[in-house]
Amino acid sequence: MTHDPQLNKHGELQHLLTIDGLPREIITSILDAAAPFTEVAEREVKKVPLLRGKSVFNLFFENSTRTRTTFEIAAKRLSADVINLNINTSSTTKGETLLDTVDNLAAMQADMFVVRHASSGAPHLIAQHLRNIGADHIRVVNAGDGRHAHPTQGLLDMYTIRHYKKDFANLTVAIVGDVLHSRVARSQIHALNILGVPEVRVVAPKTLLPNEVERMGVRVFNDMREGLRGVDVVMMLRLQNERMNGALLPSTQEYFKYYGLTPDKLDLAKPDAIVMHPGPMNRGVEIDSAVADGGQAVILPQVTFGIAVRMAVMSMLAGN
């Protein structure tokens, strides 16, 4: 058995790089740990001392407002010192390599790196490098790498589903849209399967599905109306125009007609189905405003839960 770089020799979480292969117990313990952190947000003083004296470096090699902000809020609520580095505007443009940057930050007594990178595998590379230089006390959290994974988004989505549906055992979940370019979809699919959701569907045009996507343990639908019939949870994906090469879609209007979530398409799902979206939403492309602002949408609670889940991940990695 190869050593999972995410777990230490006692089987505890050391880094969070991907959901793929994580034991169900660890996912469940993160979700359980997040619950009390949701209450911190309701206090007058929104802080707990679990990461006091620790330095968390946000290394964002790719733009992101929402993810970076929620990680920053999460770390500050844990009383950590947070250092934000927008690296696309700094050292790497001067020719410094990714690992040079890591070496320098390790020398600044970092305790945790939150990494977003356009290249798949960059957080794994950093975790491996820290081990090689004897600095694996520094924890690494993958905040999204290329098309590969976005584990904290997957976890906050699982937290949201559990909050509204209580249990994963009898659910049918549909993931709709640009699965091909979506690291979120990959993390969602792994998490849903590990947590025992009996039916995970992906709904998308053929041009926006990865090859052999069925091997990930999903049912494939190209017709959205069929794909939404009788589902408990609808997870919409953002259309990732910035990652599309060539004409995968005729037009956004055409896409909305067939794959945009409108009230009449949502009517095919169960009456108590919830609607999720990782954000930022393209209204009128993936989702109709009437749905996004409607009673079944849980898109803003997802953001709130995301802070608690990221607090849980960071405090677990720091050994609390």
Protein backbone atom coordinates (compact mmCIF):
# COMPACT_ATOMS: atom_id res chain seq x y z
CA MET A 1 0.00 0.00 0.00
CA THR A 2 1.43 3.39 -0.90
CA HIS A 3 1.58 5.94 1.86
CA ASP A 4 -1.21 8.51 1.56
CA PRO A 5 0.65 11.83 1.70
CA GLN A 6 -2.34 13.34 3.49
CA LEU A 7 -2.20 11.08 6.54
CA ASN A 8 0.54 10.72 9.14
CA LYS A 9 1.70 7.32 10.41
CA HIS A 10 -1.11 7.29 12.98
CA GLY A 11 -3.70 7.70 10.22
CA GLU A 12 -4.47 11.30 11.21
CA LEU A 13 -4.93 14.12 8.73
CA GLN A 14 -1.64 15.89 8.05
CA HIS A 15 -2.46 17.78 4.85
CA LEU A 16 -5.74 18.22 2.96
CA LEU A 17 -4.88 17.75 -0.71
CA THR A 18 -7.83 15.82 -2.14
CA ILE A 19 -10.98 14.03 -0.99
CA ASP A 20 -10.19 11.06 -3.22
CA GLY A 21 -9.12 8.17 -0.99
CA LEU A 22 -9.86 9.86 2.34
CA PRO A 23 -11.41 7.47 4.88
CA ARG A 24 -15.08 8.10 5.55
CA GLU A 25 -14.32 8.55 9.28
CA ILE A 26 -12.04 11.52 8.55
CA ILE A 27 -14.63 13.23 6.35
CA THR A 28 -17.30 12.67 8.99
CA SER A 29 -15.04 13.97 11.76
CA ILE A 30 -14.39 17.17 9.78
CA LEU A 31 -18.14 17.68 9.28
CA ASP A 32 -18.76 16.99 12.99
CA ALA A 33 -15.99 19.41 14.00
CA ALA A 34 -17.44 22.15 11.78
CA ALA A 35 -20.82 22.19 13.55
CA PRO A 36 -19.71 24.07 16.70
CA PHE A 37 -17.75 26.53 14.55
CA THR A 38 -20.98 27.66 12.87
CA GLU A 39 -21.98 29.02 16.29
CA VAL A 40 -18.80 31.11 16.62
CA ALA A 41 -20.15 33.31 13.81
CA GLU A 42 -23.17 34.19 15.95
CA ARG A 43 -21.13 35.41 18.93
CA GLU A 44 -20.29 39.01 19.62
CA VAL A 45 -16.58 38.15 19.63
CA LYS A 46 -16.16 35.81 16.66
CA LYS A 47 -12.89 34.24 17.80
CA VAL A 48 -11.55 31.09 19.40
CA PRO A 49 -7.88 30.71 20.40
CA LEU A 50 -7.13 27.37 18.70
CA LEU A 51 -4.52 28.73 16.26
CA ARG A 52 -3.18 31.55 18.40
CA GLY A 53 0.48 32.15 17.57
CA LYS A 54 0.31 30.16 14.32
CA SER A 55 1.10 31.70 10.93
CA VAL A 56 -1.15 30.80 8.00
CA PHE A 57 0.09 31.83 4.56
CA ASN A 58 -2.51 32.11 1.80
CA LEU A 59 -0.57 31.31 -1.38
CA PHE A 60 -2.88 32.17 -4.23
CA PHE A 61 -1.17 31.67 -7.58
CA GLU A 62 -4.60 32.03 -9.21
CA ASN A 63 -7.29 34.62 -8.54
CA SER A 64 -10.10 33.87 -6.17
CA THR A 65 -12.10 36.26 -4.05
CA ARG A 66 -14.54 33.96 -2.28
CA THR A 67 -12.21 31.09 -1.41
CA ARG A 68 -9.40 33.34 -0.28
CA THR A 69 -11.71 35.51 1.80
CA THR A 70 -13.36 32.56 3.54
CA PHE A 71 -9.97 30.98 4.32
CA GLU A 72 -8.77 34.31 5.68
CA ILE A 73 -11.88 34.76 7.86
CA ALA A 74 -11.59 31.13 9.05
CA ALA A 75 -7.94 31.53 10.05
CA LYS A 76 -8.58 34.85 11.81
CA ARG A 77 -11.53 33.39 13.74
CA LEU A 78 -9.11 30.72 14.95
CA SER A 79 -6.80 33.58 16.10
CA ALA A 80 -4.04 32.77 13.59
CA ASP A 81 -1.77 35.36 12.00
CA VAL A 82 -2.74 35.45 8.32
CA ILE A 83 -0.41 36.51 5.54
CA ASN A 84 -1.95 36.90 2.08
CA LEU A 85 0.36 36.57 -0.90
CA ASN A 86 -0.90 37.35 -4.38
CA ILE A 87 1.90 35.51 -6.03
CA ASN A 88 0.89 36.10 -9.62
CA THR A 89 1.92 39.70 -8.96
CA SER A 90 5.06 38.99 -6.94
CA SER A 91 8.08 36.70 -6.77
CA THR A 92 7.18 34.08 -9.39
CA THR A 93 6.97 36.81 -12.01
CA LYS A 94 10.59 37.59 -11.18
CA GLY A 95 11.57 34.07 -12.14
CA GLU A 96 11.49 32.46 -8.71
CA THR A 97 10.18 28.90 -8.83
CA LEU A 98 7.27 27.60 -6.80
CA LEU A 99 9.60 25.62 -4.53
CA ASP A 100 11.96 28.59 -4.03
CA THR A 101 8.96 30.52 -2.78
CA VAL A 102 8.04 27.65 -0.44
CA ASP A 103 11.63 27.47 0.91
CA ASN A 104 11.61 31.17 1.70
CA LEU A 105 8.26 31.02 3.46
CA ALA A 106 9.32 27.94 5.43
CA ALA A 107 12.31 29.99 6.62
CA MET A 108 9.80 32.59 7.87
CA GLN A 109 8.42 30.01 10.35
CA ALA A 110 5.17 29.32 8.51
CA ASP A 111 2.79 26.80 10.12
CA MET A 112 0.30 26.32 7.30
CA PHE A 113 0.07 26.98 3.58
CA VAL A 114 -3.31 27.40 1.88
CA VAL A 115 -2.52 26.90 -1.80
CA ARG A 116 -4.49 27.69 -4.93
CA HIS A 117 -2.72 27.01 -8.20
CA ALA A 118 -3.69 26.71 -11.86
CA SER A 119 -1.60 23.53 -12.23
CA SER A 120 -3.07 20.23 -11.06
CA GLY A 121 -0.89 18.66 -8.40
CA ALA A 122 0.87 21.82 -7.16
CA PRO A 123 -0.25 21.36 -3.50
CA HIS A 124 0.94 17.71 -3.59
CA LEU A 125 4.29 18.90 -4.93
CA ILE A 126 4.59 21.40 -2.08
CA ALA A 127 3.66 18.80 0.57
CA GLN A 128 6.22 16.37 -0.87
CA HIS A 129 8.89 19.08 -0.96
CA LEU A 130 8.23 20.04 2.69
CA ARG A 131 8.79 16.42 3.66
CA ASN A 132 12.01 16.32 1.64
CA ILE A 133 13.41 19.39 3.38
CA GLY A 134 12.35 18.16 6.82
CA ALA A 135 9.62 20.77 7.21
CA ASP A 136 6.55 18.57 7.23
CA HIS A 137 5.34 20.23 10.43
CA ILE A 138 4.03 22.82 7.94
CA ARG A 139 0.53 21.79 6.90
CA VAL A 140 -0.77 22.20 3.34
CA VAL A 141 -4.41 22.82 2.40
CA ASN A 142 -5.37 22.60 -1.26
CA ALA A 143 -7.65 25.56 -2.05
CA GLY A 144 -8.10 24.39 -5.66
CA ASP A 145 -5.56 23.06 -8.15
CA GLY A 146 -6.19 23.17 -11.89
CA ARG A 147 -8.93 20.78 -12.94
CA HIS A 148 -7.93 18.37 -10.20
CA ALA A 149 -9.53 19.03 -6.80
CA HIS A 150 -11.09 21.56 -4.45
CA PRO A 151 -11.44 19.53 -1.26
CA THR A 152 -12.72 22.21 1.13
CA GLN A 153 -15.46 23.12 -1.37
CA GLY A 154 -16.41 19.44 -1.57
CA LEU A 155 -16.50 19.25 2.24
CA LEU A 156 -18.58 22.38 2.70
CA ASP A 157 -21.00 21.02 0.10
CA MET A 158 -21.27 17.78 2.11
CA TYR A 159 -21.84 19.80 5.27
CA THR A 160 -24.62 21.73 3.53
CA ILE A 161 -26.31 18.54 2.29
CA ARG A 162 -26.08 16.93 5.74
CA HIS A 163 -27.47 20.08 7.37
CA TYR A 164 -30.60 20.03 5.21
CA LYS A 165 -31.02 16.31 4.52
CA LYS A 166 -29.61 14.88 7.80
CA ASP A 167 -28.34 11.69 6.19
CA PHE A 168 -26.65 10.58 2.97
CA ALA A 169 -28.12 7.07 2.87
CA ASN A 170 -31.18 7.59 0.66
CA LEU A 171 -30.28 10.55 -1.50
CA THR A 172 -30.19 11.07 -5.24
CA VAL A 173 -27.86 13.94 -6.12
CA ALA A 174 -27.47 15.59 -9.53
CA ILE A 175 -24.33 17.57 -10.46
CA VAL A 176 -25.17 19.75 -13.43
CA GLY A 177 -23.02 21.63 -15.93
CA ASP A 178 -19.37 21.96 -16.81
CA VAL A 179 -18.07 18.76 -15.21
CA LEU A 180 -15.10 18.62 -17.61
CA HIS A 181 -13.36 21.72 -16.25
CA SER A 182 -14.63 21.49 -12.69
CA ARG A 183 -12.33 20.55 -9.83
CA VAL A 184 -15.36 21.13 -7.59
CA ALA A 185 -17.31 18.37 -9.38
CA ARG A 186 -14.46 15.90 -8.89
CA SER A 187 -14.29 16.63 -5.17
CA GLN A 188 -18.09 16.43 -4.87
CA ILE A 189 -18.27 13.07 -6.66
CA HIS A 190 -15.51 11.52 -4.50
CA ALA A 191 -17.13 12.82 -1.30
CA LEU A 192 -20.65 11.70 -2.21
CA ASN A 193 -19.41 8.21 -3.06
CA ILE A 194 -17.29 7.89 0.09
CA LEU A 195 -20.26 9.02 2.22
CA GLY A 196 -22.46 6.36 0.67
CA VAL A 197 -24.90 8.36 -1.46
CA PRO A 198 -26.68 5.63 -3.47
CA GLU A 199 -27.09 7.59 -6.70
CA VAL A 200 -24.85 10.37 -8.00
CA ARG A 201 -25.84 11.76 -11.39
CA VAL A 202 -23.92 14.06 -13.69
CA VAL A 203 -25.97 16.09 -16.14
CA ALA A 204 -24.14 17.83 -18.96
CA PRO A 205 -23.70 18.07 -22.71
CA LYS A 206 -21.26 15.47 -24.06
CA THR A 207 -18.68 18.18 -24.78
CA LEU A 208 -18.50 19.13 -21.08
CA LEU A 209 -18.01 15.62 -19.67
CA PRO A 210 -14.62 14.00 -19.01
CA ASN A 211 -13.85 10.78 -20.89
CA GLU A 212 -15.08 7.68 -19.07
CA VAL A 213 -16.73 9.77 -16.36
CA GLU A 214 -18.87 6.70 -15.49
CA ARG A 215 -15.77 5.17 -13.90
CA MET A 216 -16.03 7.75 -11.14
CA GLY A 217 -19.21 6.05 -9.97
CA VAL A 218 -21.87 8.30 -11.52
CA ARG A 219 -24.86 7.94 -13.82
CA VAL A 220 -24.62 10.16 -16.88
CA PHE A 221 -27.51 12.17 -18.31
CA ASN A 222 -27.30 14.45 -21.34
CA ASP A 223 -30.94 15.52 -20.97
CA MET A 224 -31.36 17.84 -17.99
CA ARG A 225 -35.05 17.14 -17.50
CA GLU A 226 -34.40 13.42 -17.18
CA GLY A 227 -31.38 14.01 -14.99
CA LEU A 228 -33.33 16.13 -12.49
CA ARG A 229 -36.32 13.84 -12.19
CA GLY A 230 -36.87 12.90 -8.55
CA VAL A 231 -33.55 14.19 -7.18
CA ASP A 232 -33.06 15.44 -3.60
CA VAL A 233 -30.12 17.75 -4.28
CA VAL A 234 -29.23 19.82 -7.37
CA MET A 235 -25.59 20.95 -7.45
CA MET A 236 -25.06 23.49 -10.22
CA LEU A 237 -21.56 24.15 -11.56
CA ARG A 238 -20.12 27.38 -12.90
CA LEU A 239 -19.50 27.50 -16.63
CA GLN A 240 -15.72 27.90 -16.70
CA ASN A 241 -15.30 30.06 -19.76
CA GLU A 242 -11.71 30.91 -18.80
CA ARG A 243 -10.69 27.24 -19.07
CA MET A 244 -12.45 26.47 -22.34
CA ASN A 245 -10.42 26.04 -25.48
CA GLY A 246 -12.35 26.09 -28.72
CA ALA A 247 -16.06 25.89 -29.27
CA LEU A 248 -17.39 23.47 -26.67
CA LEU A 249 -20.67 25.37 -26.60
CA PRO A 250 -22.68 27.06 -29.34
CA SER A 251 -23.61 30.03 -27.09
CA THR A 252 -24.48 30.83 -23.50
CA GLN A 253 -28.12 31.42 -24.50
CA GLU A 254 -28.25 27.96 -26.02
CA TYR A 255 -26.59 26.52 -22.92
CA PHE A 256 -29.14 28.18 -20.65
CA LYS A 257 -31.99 26.83 -22.73
CA TYR A 258 -30.86 23.22 -22.27
CA TYR A 259 -28.81 23.24 -19.05
CA GLY A 260 -29.79 26.38 -17.13
CA LEU A 261 -31.74 25.72 -13.93
CA THR A 262 -35.16 27.32 -14.33
CA PRO A 263 -38.23 26.96 -12.07
CA ASP A 264 -39.92 24.56 -14.51
CA LYS A 265 -36.87 22.26 -14.65
CA LEU A 266 -36.53 22.39 -10.87
CA ASP A 267 -40.16 21.26 -10.61
CA LEU A 268 -39.03 17.83 -11.85
CA ALA A 269 -36.90 17.36 -8.73
CA LYS A 270 -38.47 16.42 -5.38
CA PRO A 271 -40.55 19.24 -3.87
CA ASP A 272 -38.08 19.59 -0.97
CA ALA A 273 -34.97 19.43 -3.19
CA ILE A 274 -32.22 21.92 -2.35
CA VAL A 275 -30.28 23.90 -4.96
CA MET A 276 -26.55 24.51 -4.51
CA HIS A 277 -23.91 26.45 -6.42
CA PRO A 278 -20.22 26.89 -5.53
CA GLY A 279 -20.23 30.47 -6.83
CA PRO A 280 -19.67 32.85 -8.41
CA MET A 281 -22.95 32.36 -10.26
CA ASN A 282 -23.55 33.35 -13.85
CA ARG A 283 -27.21 34.32 -13.62
CA GLY A 284 -29.10 33.60 -16.79
CA VAL A 285 -26.41 31.14 -17.89
CA GLU A 286 -26.34 28.30 -15.32
CA ILE A 287 -29.18 29.43 -13.13
CA ASP A 288 -32.27 31.60 -13.37
CA SER A 289 -32.49 34.41 -10.80
CA ALA A 290 -35.91 33.12 -9.73
CA VAL A 291 -34.20 29.87 -8.63
CA ALA A 292 -31.03 31.48 -7.25
CA ASP A 293 -33.09 33.78 -5.00
CA GLY A 294 -35.87 31.25 -4.39
CA GLY A 295 -36.83 29.22 -1.34
CA GLN A 296 -35.02 26.04 -2.41
CA ALA A 297 -31.63 27.68 -2.93
CA VAL A 298 -29.08 27.22 -0.13
CA ILE A 299 -26.30 29.08 -1.94
CA LEU A 300 -25.67 31.74 0.74
CA PRO A 301 -25.76 29.22 3.63
CA GLN A 302 -23.08 27.29 1.69
CA VAL A 303 -20.79 30.32 2.02
CA THR A 304 -21.48 30.60 5.76
CA PHE A 305 -20.91 26.88 6.31
CA GLY A 306 -17.73 27.15 4.22
CA ILE A 307 -16.09 29.31 6.89
CA ALA A 308 -16.94 26.79 9.63
CA VAL A 309 -15.71 23.83 7.54
CA ARG A 310 -12.42 25.61 6.77
CA MET A 311 -12.03 26.39 10.48
CA ALA A 312 -12.55 22.69 11.21
CA VAL A 313 -9.96 21.61 8.63
CA MET A 314 -7.35 24.09 9.85
CA SER A 315 -7.82 23.28 13.52
CA MET A 316 -7.62 19.53 12.82
CA LEU A 317 -4.42 19.97 10.82
CA ALA A 318 -2.95 22.06 13.62
CA GLY A 319 -3.56 19.14 15.98
CA ASN A 320 -6.67 20.29 17.84
